[in-house]
Amino acid sequence: MPRRLPGPGSAWTDSRDIPELPQQSFRDWWKKTQKEAQKKTRKGGTTQKGGSPS
C-alpha cells in the first residue's frame, strides 16, 4: 500500500497515517463466517431466521 498519495493528495498524506491493510479481506472473512454459521445451523437444527427445521 502506498504510504503517500501523488499530486494534490500528497499534502493530505503528509499529515495523516494510513492504516495498514488487514491480514484477511472482508470478503474472505465473510465467506468464513457464513460457512461457520451454516455448520452451526445444521448442527443445532434451526434455521437462521429462527424457524423450525424442515
Protein backbone atom coordinates (compact mmCIF):
# COMPACT_ATOMS: atom_id res chain seq x y z
CA MET A 1 0.00 0.00 0.00
CA PRO A 2 1.42 3.41 -0.87
CA ARG A 3 2.40 5.47 2.14
CA ARG A 4 1.97 8.73 0.23
CA LEU A 5 -0.55 9.81 -2.40
CA PRO A 6 0.62 11.61 -5.56
CA GLY A 7 -0.32 15.14 -6.59
CA PRO A 8 -2.90 17.06 -4.51
CA GLY A 9 -3.32 14.08 -2.18
CA SER A 10 0.30 14.28 -1.02
CA ALA A 11 -0.45 17.13 1.41
CA TRP A 12 -3.21 15.02 2.96
CA THR A 13 -0.93 12.01 3.46
CA ASP A 14 1.80 14.20 4.99
CA SER A 15 -0.45 14.93 7.96
CA ARG A 16 -2.26 11.56 8.34
CA ASP A 17 -1.39 7.95 9.00
CA ILE A 18 -2.84 5.45 6.59
CA PRO A 19 -3.85 2.27 8.45
CA GLU A 20 -2.21 -0.99 7.49
CA LEU A 21 -4.25 -3.41 5.42
CA PRO A 22 -5.86 -6.24 7.40
CA GLN A 23 -4.41 -9.75 7.08
CA GLN A 24 -7.75 -11.05 5.80
CA SER A 25 -10.01 -9.27 3.35
CA PHE A 26 -13.63 -8.59 4.29
CA ARG A 27 -14.79 -10.90 1.50
CA ASP A 28 -12.66 -13.79 2.84
CA TRP A 29 -13.82 -13.11 6.42
CA TRP A 30 -17.46 -13.10 5.29
CA LYS A 31 -17.12 -16.43 3.47
CA LYS A 32 -15.53 -18.00 6.54
CA THR A 33 -18.13 -16.70 9.00
CA GLN A 34 -21.01 -17.73 6.74
CA LYS A 35 -19.65 -21.27 6.45
CA GLU A 36 -19.27 -21.46 10.24
CA ALA A 37 -22.82 -20.15 10.73
CA GLN A 38 -24.19 -22.74 8.31
CA LYS A 39 -22.38 -25.53 10.18
CA LYS A 40 -23.83 -24.33 13.49
CA THR A 41 -27.29 -24.07 11.95
CA ARG A 42 -27.12 -27.62 10.64
CA LYS A 43 -25.83 -28.96 13.96
CA GLY A 44 -28.41 -27.11 16.03
CA GLY A 45 -31.32 -27.99 13.79
CA THR A 46 -32.71 -24.46 13.43
CA THR A 47 -32.78 -22.07 10.54
CA GLN A 48 -31.07 -18.68 10.59
CA LYS A 49 -34.47 -16.97 10.81
CA GLY A 50 -35.25 -18.87 13.98
CA GLY A 51 -37.88 -21.12 12.43
CA SER A 52 -38.22 -24.83 12.95
CA PRO A 53 -36.10 -27.26 10.94
CA SER A 54 -37.64 -28.72 7.81
